[in-house]
Protein backbone atom coordinates (compact mmCIF):
# COMPACT_ATOMS: atom_id res chain seq x y z
CA MET A 1 -13.21 -7.37 -20.91
CA ASN A 2 -14.37 -10.90 -20.20
CA LYS A 3 -16.65 -11.85 -17.29
CA LYS A 4 -13.77 -12.92 -15.02
CA GLN A 5 -11.97 -9.62 -15.63
CA GLN A 6 -15.20 -7.68 -14.98
CA GLU A 7 -15.62 -9.48 -11.66
CA GLU A 8 -12.00 -8.82 -10.73
CA MET A 9 -12.40 -5.14 -11.69
CA ALA A 10 -15.55 -4.87 -9.55
CA ASN A 11 -13.71 -6.43 -6.58
CA ILE A 12 -10.76 -4.08 -7.00
CA GLN A 13 -13.08 -1.07 -7.26
CA ASP A 14 -14.94 -2.14 -4.12
CA THR A 15 -11.65 -2.47 -2.24
CA ILE A 16 -10.37 0.93 -3.37
CA TYR A 17 -13.75 2.58 -2.72
CA ASP A 18 -13.72 1.12 0.78
CA LEU A 19 -10.13 2.26 1.41
CA ALA A 20 -10.83 5.79 0.19
CA GLY A 21 -13.93 5.99 2.36
CA ARG A 22 -12.02 4.82 5.44
CA LEU A 23 -9.25 7.34 4.80
CA ILE A 24 -11.75 10.17 4.47
CA ILE A 25 -14.19 9.19 7.21
CA GLU A 26 -12.26 7.21 9.80
CA GLN A 27 -8.84 8.85 9.47
CA GLU A 28 -10.28 12.26 8.58
CA SER A 29 -7.93 12.67 5.62
CA GLU A 30 -8.64 15.52 3.25
CA PRO A 31 -10.63 14.16 0.27
CA LEU A 32 -8.47 16.14 -2.17
CA LEU A 33 -5.31 14.57 -0.75
CA VAL A 34 -6.84 11.09 -1.04
CA ALA A 35 -7.93 11.83 -4.62
CA ALA A 36 -4.48 13.19 -5.50
CA ALA A 37 -2.75 10.10 -4.10
CA LEU A 38 -5.11 7.77 -5.98
CA ALA A 39 -4.78 9.72 -9.23
CA ALA A 40 -0.98 9.83 -8.97
CA THR A 41 -0.88 6.09 -8.29
CA ALA A 42 -3.19 5.37 -11.24
CA MET A 43 -1.19 7.55 -13.63
CA GLY A 44 2.05 5.93 -12.47
CA LEU A 45 0.61 2.45 -13.02
CA TYR A 46 -0.66 3.38 -16.49
CA LYS A 47 2.73 4.90 -17.38
CA SER A 48 4.51 1.74 -16.15
CA VAL A 49 2.48 -0.75 -18.17
CA LEU A 50 1.44 1.16 -21.31
CA SER A 51 3.45 2.33 -24.27
CA PRO A 52 3.78 6.12 -24.56
CA ASP A 53 1.08 6.19 -27.28
CA ASP A 54 -1.27 3.97 -25.26
CA TYR A 55 -0.66 6.12 -22.17
CA ASP A 56 -1.63 9.24 -24.11
CA SER A 57 -4.72 7.44 -25.42
CA MET A 58 -5.70 6.44 -21.88
CA ILE A 59 -5.37 10.03 -20.69
CA ASP A 60 -7.61 11.08 -23.59
CA VAL A 61 -10.21 8.43 -22.67
CA ILE A 62 -10.23 9.64 -19.06
CA SER A 63 -10.57 13.26 -20.15
CA ASN A 64 -13.27 12.53 -22.73
CA ASN A 65 -15.36 10.66 -20.15
CA ARG A 66 -15.21 13.29 -17.42
CA ASP A 67 -18.97 13.87 -17.57
CA ILE A 68 -19.94 10.27 -16.75
CA ILE A 69 -18.00 10.08 -13.49
CA LYS A 70 -20.30 10.27 -10.47
CA PRO A 71 -19.39 12.10 -7.26
CA PHE A 72 -17.75 9.77 -4.75
CA MET A 73 -20.55 9.55 -2.21
CA GLN A 74 -23.14 8.82 -4.92
CA VAL A 75 -21.31 5.78 -6.31
CA GLU A 76 -22.63 2.57 -4.84
CA PRO A 77 -19.92 0.39 -3.23
CA THR A 78 -21.38 -2.64 -5.00
CA GLN A 79 -21.26 -1.02 -8.45
CA THR A 80 -19.93 -3.36 -11.11
CA GLY A 81 -17.90 -2.41 -14.13
CA PRO A 82 -15.26 0.22 -14.68
CA LEU A 83 -15.71 3.83 -13.63
CA HIS A 84 -13.90 5.10 -16.71
């Protein structure tokens, strides 16, 4: 990923982090429902833009990196770089 893409990714992550926080805190949505909606959206996006083999590879990358994902409230909103 080049610098411009990294900056765009950080901005997108900040926006989504902010949205998820508002849904959970301000609208009192169940965190598991928010997570499910975000995960379903992400998987649908991946499936729409990746080949079947690349989609399977992405799912493997996500699964193989499960231990580096931080709990939601411990992730800083200004964090840069991808979470996966």
